[in-house]
Amino acid sequence: MVAVVDHAAAAGRAGLSMPDTQVIIFGNPQAGTPLMQARPEIAIDLPMRMMVRDDGQPGSLITWQDPAYLAQRYGLGEDQLAPLNTPAKIASAIDSR
C-alpha cells in the first residue's frame, strides 16, 4: 500500500503557499501486522511515513520517525525493529543515486 499526501498542493487549493512538501505513506501487512499484534497501540504510527520537502537547498530533505524512538515508545525488542528500518533503507537508496 502506498499513498501520497501533497501538502503544498492542498495549500495552493486553499489559496496559500508553502514549499513543496509531500508525505509518502507506505505499509506492508506482513511486516506491520505482527507489530500491531504485539503492541496494538503502534497502529497509530503505522503505516510508515516519510516526509519529502523542499528546504530551499539543492535536493530535498527526507525525514521519518526514528525507529529507536518507536522501539522505546512501544517497548519493542531488537528482533521487531526490521520493519521500522524501511524508511532509512529507502532514503539511503535515494541518496546513493
Protein backbone atom coordinates (compact mmCIF):
# COMPACT_ATOMS: atom_id res chain seq x y z
CA MET A 1 0.00 0.00 0.00
CA VAL A 2 1.30 3.44 -0.94
CA ALA A 3 -0.35 6.86 -0.76
CA VAL A 4 0.99 10.39 -1.17
CA VAL A 5 -0.31 13.46 0.64
CA ASP A 6 0.76 16.60 -1.20
CA HIS A 7 0.61 19.35 1.41
CA ALA A 8 1.86 22.04 -0.96
CA ALA A 9 -0.88 21.25 -3.48
CA ALA A 10 -3.52 21.33 -0.74
CA ALA A 11 -2.18 24.67 0.45
CA GLY A 12 -2.40 26.00 -3.11
CA ARG A 13 -6.03 24.91 -3.38
CA ALA A 14 -6.70 26.85 -0.16
CA GLY A 15 -5.09 29.96 -1.63
CA LEU A 16 -1.93 29.55 0.46
CA SER A 17 1.62 28.70 -0.48
CA MET A 18 4.34 26.60 1.03
CA PRO A 19 7.45 24.83 -0.22
CA ASP A 20 6.87 21.51 -1.96
CA THR A 21 6.06 19.06 0.83
CA GLN A 22 4.75 15.54 0.41
CA VAL A 23 4.18 12.77 2.90
CA ILE A 24 4.55 9.29 1.47
CA ILE A 25 2.59 6.67 3.39
CA PHE A 26 3.52 3.04 2.84
CA GLY A 27 2.99 -0.25 4.55
CA ASN A 28 3.22 -3.99 4.26
CA PRO A 29 0.66 -6.01 6.24
CA GLN A 30 3.10 -8.92 6.54
CA ALA A 31 5.57 -6.63 8.32
CA GLY A 32 3.19 -4.38 10.28
CA THR A 33 0.59 -6.87 11.48
CA PRO A 34 2.96 -8.75 13.82
CA LEU A 35 3.99 -5.43 15.38
CA MET A 36 0.34 -4.46 15.91
CA GLN A 37 -0.42 -7.90 17.35
CA ALA A 38 2.42 -7.47 19.84
CA ARG A 39 1.69 -3.79 20.61
CA PRO A 40 -1.77 -2.72 19.33
CA GLU A 41 -1.07 0.93 20.14
CA ILE A 42 1.67 1.06 17.46
CA ALA A 43 -1.14 1.22 14.91
CA ILE A 44 -1.14 5.00 15.43
CA ASP A 45 2.34 5.08 13.86
CA LEU A 46 1.65 2.56 11.11
CA PRO A 47 1.70 2.53 8.18
CA MET A 48 5.12 4.12 7.97
CA ARG A 49 5.51 7.67 6.66
CA MET A 50 8.28 9.72 5.12
CA MET A 51 8.17 13.46 4.52
CA VAL A 52 9.92 14.83 1.45
CA ARG A 53 10.18 18.59 1.27
CA ASP A 54 11.98 21.40 -0.45
CA ASP A 55 14.07 23.13 2.19
CA GLY A 56 15.50 25.71 -0.22
CA GLN A 57 18.76 23.82 -0.64
CA PRO A 58 19.74 21.63 -3.61
CA GLY A 59 17.90 18.32 -3.46
CA SER A 60 15.14 17.52 -0.99
CA LEU A 61 15.01 16.93 2.74
CA ILE A 62 13.67 13.50 3.72
CA THR A 63 12.55 12.82 7.30
CA TRP A 64 10.89 9.92 9.10
CA GLN A 65 10.18 8.63 12.56
CA ASP A 66 13.32 7.29 14.27
CA PRO A 67 12.99 3.51 14.74
CA ALA A 68 14.81 3.75 18.09
CA TYR A 69 12.15 6.18 19.30
CA LEU A 70 9.37 3.85 18.18
CA ALA A 71 11.09 0.87 19.79
CA GLN A 72 11.41 2.74 23.07
CA ARG A 73 7.88 4.17 22.88
CA TYR A 74 6.30 0.75 22.36
CA GLY A 75 8.78 -1.44 24.21
CA LEU A 76 9.82 -3.36 21.11
CA GLY A 77 12.66 -5.82 21.09
CA GLU A 78 15.58 -5.78 18.67
CA ASP A 79 14.01 -8.67 16.78
CA GLN A 80 10.97 -6.48 15.99
CA LEU A 81 12.83 -3.48 14.56
CA ALA A 82 13.46 -4.64 10.98
CA PRO A 83 10.19 -3.30 9.52
CA LEU A 84 10.76 0.06 11.19
CA ASN A 85 14.10 0.48 9.40
CA THR A 86 12.46 0.59 5.97
CA PRO A 87 12.40 4.41 5.67
CA ALA A 88 16.14 4.59 6.31
CA LYS A 89 16.75 1.98 3.62
CA ILE A 90 14.59 3.89 1.14
CA ALA A 91 16.33 7.21 1.94
CA SER A 92 19.73 5.56 1.59
CA ALA A 93 18.80 4.14 -1.81
CA ILE A 94 17.60 7.57 -2.95
CA ASP A 95 20.70 9.30 -1.59
CA SER A 96 23.05 6.91 -3.40
CA ARG A 97 21.57 7.79 -6.81
